[in-house]
Amino acid sequence: MDQTAATARTLGADLRALRKARGLTLADLAARLDRSVGWLSQVERDLSEPSLADLRRFAEILDVPITMLAAPPPGDEAGHVVRGHARRPIGHDKAGLTEELLSPDLTDDFEMVHSTFAPGSRIAKPVMRPTQEVGYLISGRLDLDIAGRAFTIHPGDSFRIRGEPFRWANPYDEPAVAIWVIAPPVY
């Protein structure tokens, strides 16, 4: 197998990465899908193709939108380039947050996300996850509470969260746009 084929995004590789990020074993996920471990293993190795119903079930169990499981871009850009018009939406547009995956796939030790926080939006409860996260604000303003400390982030500012509880709010009149790097991947 040449290097391009070895690093190209596949549905199986993304499903494996999502399963592992959720702390699920093959047996755990297979049981929740009501499928055999062998079938799931074949799907993760791209030896079997799941049906649309299976993809919907994967999306539900792994808590991602079904669009996250969309086919990779055709041609030699797969695994290397993500065009602006071809970003995969991630998350669920909860609380006024829209997220798109900037990373070509989910198989790296980190993921890069384009986050847009709608004016007047906020997350109600603090989030805490076993990750290291770094963000860079491109436009707008964003209020962050990290481990009980309040910050207002402006364009050009960056921030870091290391497994600490955090929450965000955009009480301002314009969207806030940030690039967010998360390790290990959570989507």
Foldseek 3Di string as FASTA:
>chain_A
DDPLVVQFDDLLLQLVLLCVLVVHDLVRVCVQLVHDSVVNVCVNVVNDPDDPVSLVSSCVVSVWPSQLSDGADDDSCGNPAADPVRWGWTHDCPQQKTKTWRGSGQNDQKTKIKIKHAAFGWDDFWDFDQKKKKKAKQAAWKWKQWQNDIDIDHHGDMDIHHRTTMIIGRNDHGMIIMMMMIGRDND
